[in-house]
């Protein structure tokens, strides 16, 4: 890292902290001139691909996750912060578990897990689309599973 004042390359990190998702703020001190400056490290986005059911591959897009969750949470008592927190959690789990390709099924299951804990109605809404419920029996089966989990 070059000092912006004297252009020397030697500096030491005085303070380091996360400032946003996947961004690290570092306060540095130049070893040549002694002046301080701030740098930001951002994780380079890897070209993570989502492998769909039909084996096609599309770029990972957190906004698609947001759209699905927001649709499921429509008119439910869930705050935008709770939705953002769930999206961040799912994205973090994806990047921790996969380097280049992630099955869409993994993402869907993580969203289901999060919605199941957040709001059961939103969970059933999401699951009905994600798991392609064909008829009322599929809904009833999922609701019975949900009830048995909440009573145990």
C-alpha atoms as a PDB file:
ATOM      1  CA  UNK A   1       0.000   0.000   0.000  1.00  0.00           C
ATOM      2  CA  UNK A   2       1.514   3.313  -1.077  1.00  0.00           C
ATOM      3  CA  UNK A   3       1.286   6.276   1.258  1.00  0.00           C
ATOM      4  CA  UNK A   4      -0.902   8.908  -0.443  1.00  0.00           C
ATOM      5  CA  UNK A   5       1.378  11.657   0.926  1.00  0.00           C
ATOM      6  CA  UNK A   6       4.965  10.509   0.303  1.00  0.00           C
ATOM      7  CA  UNK A   7       4.374   7.472  -1.985  1.00  0.00           C
ATOM      8  CA  UNK A   8       6.443   5.116   0.211  1.00  0.00           C
ATOM      9  CA  UNK A   9       5.231   1.534   0.345  1.00  0.00           C
ATOM     10  CA  UNK A  10       5.892   0.691   3.989  1.00  0.00           C
ATOM     11  CA  UNK A  11       3.075   1.291   6.463  1.00  0.00           C
ATOM     12  CA  UNK A  12       1.692  -0.329   9.561  1.00  0.00           C
ATOM     13  CA  UNK A  13      -1.922  -1.015  10.463  1.00  0.00           C
ATOM     14  CA  UNK A  14      -2.959   1.018  13.506  1.00  0.00           C
ATOM     15  CA  UNK A  15      -6.622  -0.039  13.656  1.00  0.00           C
ATOM     16  CA  UNK A  16      -8.782  -2.493  11.735  1.00  0.00           C
ATOM     17  CA  UNK A  17     -12.542  -3.032  11.796  1.00  0.00           C
ATOM     18  CA  UNK A  18     -15.428  -4.160   9.644  1.00  0.00           C
ATOM     19  CA  UNK A  19     -17.443  -1.258   8.319  1.00  0.00           C
ATOM     20  CA  UNK A  20     -20.019  -2.898   6.036  1.00  0.00           C
ATOM     21  CA  UNK A  21     -20.802  -6.359   4.776  1.00  0.00           C
ATOM     22  CA  UNK A  22     -17.559  -7.853   3.471  1.00  0.00           C
ATOM     23  CA  UNK A  23     -15.615  -4.568   3.832  1.00  0.00           C
ATOM     24  CA  UNK A  24     -12.720  -3.982   6.237  1.00  0.00           C
ATOM     25  CA  UNK A  25     -11.626  -0.471   7.205  1.00  0.00           C
ATOM     26  CA  UNK A  26      -7.943  -0.144   8.091  1.00  0.00           C
ATOM     27  CA  UNK A  27      -6.267   2.874   9.649  1.00  0.00           C
ATOM     28  CA  UNK A  28      -2.603   2.930   8.594  1.00  0.00           C
ATOM     29  CA  UNK A  29       0.471   4.918   9.536  1.00  0.00           C
ATOM     30  CA  UNK A  30       3.270   5.507   7.017  1.00  0.00           C
ATOM     31  CA  UNK A  31       6.625   4.355   8.380  1.00  0.00           C
ATOM     32  CA  UNK A  32       8.469   6.989   6.305  1.00  0.00           C
ATOM     33  CA  UNK A  33       6.547  10.233   6.942  1.00  0.00           C
ATOM     34  CA  UNK A  34       4.446   9.205   9.956  1.00  0.00           C
ATOM     35  CA  UNK A  35       1.141  10.432   8.501  1.00  0.00           C
ATOM     36  CA  UNK A  36      -2.019   8.376   8.851  1.00  0.00           C
ATOM     37  CA  UNK A  37      -4.497   7.346   6.196  1.00  0.00           C
ATOM     38  CA  UNK A  38      -7.468   5.013   5.831  1.00  0.00           C
ATOM     39  CA  UNK A  39      -7.826   2.121   3.402  1.00  0.00           C
ATOM     40  CA  UNK A  40     -10.774  -0.148   2.694  1.00  0.00           C
ATOM     41  CA  UNK A  41     -10.513  -3.796   1.757  1.00  0.00           C
ATOM     42  CA  UNK A  42     -13.464  -5.262  -0.056  1.00  0.00           C
ATOM     43  CA  UNK A  43     -13.860  -8.922  -0.708  1.00  0.00           C
ATOM     44  CA  UNK A  44     -13.481  -9.550  -4.396  1.00  0.00           C
ATOM     45  CA  UNK A  45     -16.671 -11.038  -5.642  1.00  0.00           C
ATOM     46  CA  UNK A  46     -15.999 -14.458  -7.012  1.00  0.00           C
ATOM     47  CA  UNK A  47     -17.959 -15.517 -10.038  1.00  0.00           C
ATOM     48  CA  UNK A  48     -20.197 -17.799  -7.977  1.00  0.00           C
ATOM     49  CA  UNK A  49     -22.761 -19.577 -10.127  1.00  0.00           C
ATOM     50  CA  UNK A  50     -26.078 -21.045  -9.063  1.00  0.00           C
ATOM     51  CA  UNK A  51     -26.806 -24.474 -10.552  1.00  0.00           C
ATOM     52  CA  UNK A  52     -30.517 -24.630 -11.297  1.00  0.00           C
ATOM     53  CA  UNK A  53     -32.715 -27.766 -11.344  1.00  0.00           C
ATOM     54  CA  UNK A  54     -32.287 -28.070 -15.119  1.00  0.00           C
ATOM     55  CA  UNK A  55     -28.464 -27.908 -14.727  1.00  0.00           C
ATOM     56  CA  UNK A  56     -28.270 -24.412 -16.203  1.00  0.00           C
ATOM     57  CA  UNK A  57     -25.978 -21.953 -14.436  1.00  0.00           C
ATOM     58  CA  UNK A  58     -26.718 -18.335 -13.598  1.00  0.00           C
ATOM     59  CA  UNK A  59     -24.702 -15.779 -11.619  1.00  0.00           C
ATOM     60  CA  UNK A  60     -25.437 -15.691  -7.877  1.00  0.00           C
ATOM     61  CA  UNK A  61     -27.710 -12.731  -7.198  1.00  0.00           C
ATOM     62  CA  UNK A  62     -28.763 -11.797  -3.670  1.00  0.00           C
ATOM     63  CA  UNK A  63     -31.556  -9.648  -5.125  1.00  0.00           C
ATOM     64  CA  UNK A  64     -33.289 -12.811  -6.347  1.00  0.00           C
ATOM     65  CA  UNK A  65     -33.193 -14.103  -2.782  1.00  0.00           C
ATOM     66  CA  UNK A  66     -34.611 -10.769  -1.599  1.00  0.00           C
ATOM     67  CA  UNK A  67     -37.448 -10.933  -4.148  1.00  0.00           C
ATOM     68  CA  UNK A  68     -38.460 -14.423  -3.045  1.00  0.00           C
ATOM     69  CA  UNK A  69     -38.347 -13.562   0.643  1.00  0.00           C
ATOM     70  CA  UNK A  70     -40.215 -10.270   0.201  1.00  0.00           C
ATOM     71  CA  UNK A  71     -42.944 -12.012  -1.792  1.00  0.00           C
ATOM     72  CA  UNK A  72     -43.320 -14.645   0.929  1.00  0.00           C
ATOM     73  CA  UNK A  73     -43.379 -11.952   3.640  1.00  0.00           C
ATOM     74  CA  UNK A  74     -45.931  -9.707   1.906  1.00  0.00           C
ATOM     75  CA  UNK A  75     -48.365  -8.251   4.478  1.00  0.00           C
ATOM     76  CA  UNK A  76     -46.681 -10.154   7.318  1.00  0.00           C
ATOM     77  CA  UNK A  77     -45.301  -8.500  10.492  1.00  0.00           C
ATOM     78  CA  UNK A  78     -41.693  -8.779   9.331  1.00  0.00           C
ATOM     79  CA  UNK A  79     -39.439  -5.717   9.238  1.00  0.00           C
ATOM     80  CA  UNK A  80     -37.087  -4.833   6.371  1.00  0.00           C
ATOM     81  CA  UNK A  81     -34.218  -5.309   8.852  1.00  0.00           C
ATOM     82  CA  UNK A  82     -35.319  -8.881   9.549  1.00  0.00           C
ATOM     83  CA  UNK A  83     -35.463  -9.577   5.811  1.00  0.00           C
ATOM     84  CA  UNK A  84     -32.013  -8.053   5.295  1.00  0.00           C
ATOM     85  CA  UNK A  85     -30.630 -10.095   8.178  1.00  0.00           C
ATOM     86  CA  UNK A  86     -31.999 -13.316   6.645  1.00  0.00           C
ATOM     87  CA  UNK A  87     -30.557 -12.442   3.215  1.00  0.00           C
ATOM     88  CA  UNK A  88     -27.159 -11.727   4.785  1.00  0.00           C
ATOM     89  CA  UNK A  89     -27.259 -14.999   6.714  1.00  0.00           C
ATOM     90  CA  UNK A  90     -28.117 -17.030   3.600  1.00  0.00           C
ATOM     91  CA  UNK A  91     -25.446 -15.261   1.540  1.00  0.00           C
ATOM     92  CA  UNK A  92     -22.825 -15.839   4.222  1.00  0.00           C
ATOM     93  CA  UNK A  93     -23.694 -19.539   4.423  1.00  0.00           C
ATOM     94  CA  UNK A  94     -23.466 -19.826   0.634  1.00  0.00           C
ATOM     95  CA  UNK A  95     -20.012 -18.218   0.501  1.00  0.00           C
ATOM     96  CA  UNK A  96     -18.796 -20.287   3.470  1.00  0.00           C
ATOM     97  CA  UNK A  97     -19.925 -23.567   1.910  1.00  0.00           C
ATOM     98  CA  UNK A  98     -19.185 -23.066  -1.813  1.00  0.00           C
ATOM     99  CA  UNK A  99     -16.419 -21.559  -3.927  1.00  0.00           C
ATOM    100  CA  UNK A 100     -17.599 -21.655  -7.529  1.00  0.00           C
ATOM    101  CA  UNK A 101     -21.011 -23.275  -7.818  1.00  0.00           C
ATOM    102  CA  UNK A 102     -23.919 -23.593  -5.408  1.00  0.00           C
ATOM    103  CA  UNK A 103     -27.004 -25.729  -6.034  1.00  0.00           C
ATOM    104  CA  UNK A 104     -30.202 -23.672  -6.051  1.00  0.00           C
ATOM    105  CA  UNK A 105     -31.606 -26.315  -3.688  1.00  0.00           C
ATOM    106  CA  UNK A 106     -29.066 -25.283  -1.002  1.00  0.00           C
ATOM    107  CA  UNK A 107     -30.165 -21.642  -1.233  1.00  0.00           C
ATOM    108  CA  UNK A 108     -33.854 -22.588  -1.135  1.00  0.00           C
ATOM    109  CA  UNK A 109     -33.394 -24.797   1.918  1.00  0.00           C
ATOM    110  CA  UNK A 110     -31.478 -22.060   3.775  1.00  0.00           C
ATOM    111  CA  UNK A 111     -34.247 -19.553   3.011  1.00  0.00           C
ATOM    112  CA  UNK A 112     -36.845 -22.102   4.178  1.00  0.00           C
ATOM    113  CA  UNK A 113     -34.965 -22.655   7.442  1.00  0.00           C
ATOM    114  CA  UNK A 114     -34.766 -18.916   8.070  1.00  0.00           C
ATOM    115  CA  UNK A 115     -38.413 -18.257   7.231  1.00  0.00           C
ATOM    116  CA  UNK A 116     -39.560 -21.213   9.340  1.00  0.00           C
ATOM    117  CA  UNK A 117     -37.983 -19.510  12.357  1.00  0.00           C
ATOM    118  CA  UNK A 118     -39.103 -16.012  11.363  1.00  0.00           C
ATOM    119  CA  UNK A 119     -42.737 -16.479  10.330  1.00  0.00           C
ATOM    120  CA  UNK A 120     -44.609 -19.719   9.642  1.00  0.00           C
ATOM    121  CA  UNK A 121     -47.028 -18.189   7.137  1.00  0.00           C
ATOM    122  CA  UNK A 122     -44.157 -16.700   5.117  1.00  0.00           C
ATOM    123  CA  UNK A 123     -42.416 -20.076   5.315  1.00  0.00           C
ATOM    124  CA  UNK A 124     -45.437 -21.932   3.875  1.00  0.00           C
ATOM    125  CA  UNK A 125     -45.808 -19.319   1.129  1.00  0.00           C
ATOM    126  CA  UNK A 126     -42.156 -19.665   0.142  1.00  0.00           C
ATOM    127  CA  UNK A 127     -42.186 -23.459   0.426  1.00  0.00           C
ATOM    128  CA  UNK A 128     -45.288 -23.722  -1.770  1.00  0.00           C
ATOM    129  CA  UNK A 129     -43.437 -22.097  -4.658  1.00  0.00           C
ATOM    130  CA  UNK A 130     -39.977 -23.476  -3.912  1.00  0.00           C
ATOM    131  CA  UNK A 131     -41.151 -27.059  -3.456  1.00  0.00           C
ATOM    132  CA  UNK A 132     -43.721 -26.778  -6.261  1.00  0.00           C
ATOM    133  CA  UNK A 133     -46.779 -27.827  -4.279  1.00  0.00           C
ATOM    134  CA  UNK A 134     -49.184 -29.420  -6.746  1.00  0.00           C
ATOM    135  CA  UNK A 135     -52.365 -29.523  -4.690  1.00  0.00           C
ATOM    136  CA  UNK A 136     -53.953 -28.956  -1.289  1.00  0.00           C
ATOM    137  CA  UNK A 137     -52.565 -32.259   0.015  1.00  0.00           C
ATOM    138  CA  UNK A 138     -49.017 -30.888  -0.349  1.00  0.00           C
ATOM    139  CA  UNK A 139     -49.993 -27.866   1.755  1.00  0.00           C
ATOM    140  CA  UNK A 140     -51.665 -30.029   4.402  1.00  0.00           C
ATOM    141  CA  UNK A 141     -48.618 -32.296   4.606  1.00  0.00           C
ATOM    142  CA  UNK A 142     -46.264 -29.337   5.081  1.00  0.00           C
ATOM    143  CA  UNK A 143     -48.562 -27.771   7.677  1.00  0.00           C
ATOM    144  CA  UNK A 144     -48.719 -31.040   9.629  1.00  0.00           C
ATOM    145  CA  UNK A 145     -44.910 -31.186   9.647  1.00  0.00           C
ATOM    146  CA  UNK A 146     -44.795 -27.583  10.815  1.00  0.00           C
ATOM    147  CA  UNK A 147     -47.311 -28.255  13.616  1.00  0.00           C
ATOM    148  CA  UNK A 148     -45.467 -31.358  14.799  1.00  0.00           C
ATOM    149  CA  UNK A 149     -42.191 -29.407  14.951  1.00  0.00           C
ATOM    150  CA  UNK A 150     -43.744 -26.537  16.907  1.00  0.00           C
ATOM    151  CA  UNK A 151     -45.358 -28.925  19.441  1.00  0.00           C
ATOM    152  CA  UNK A 152     -42.191 -30.913  20.090  1.00  0.00           C
END
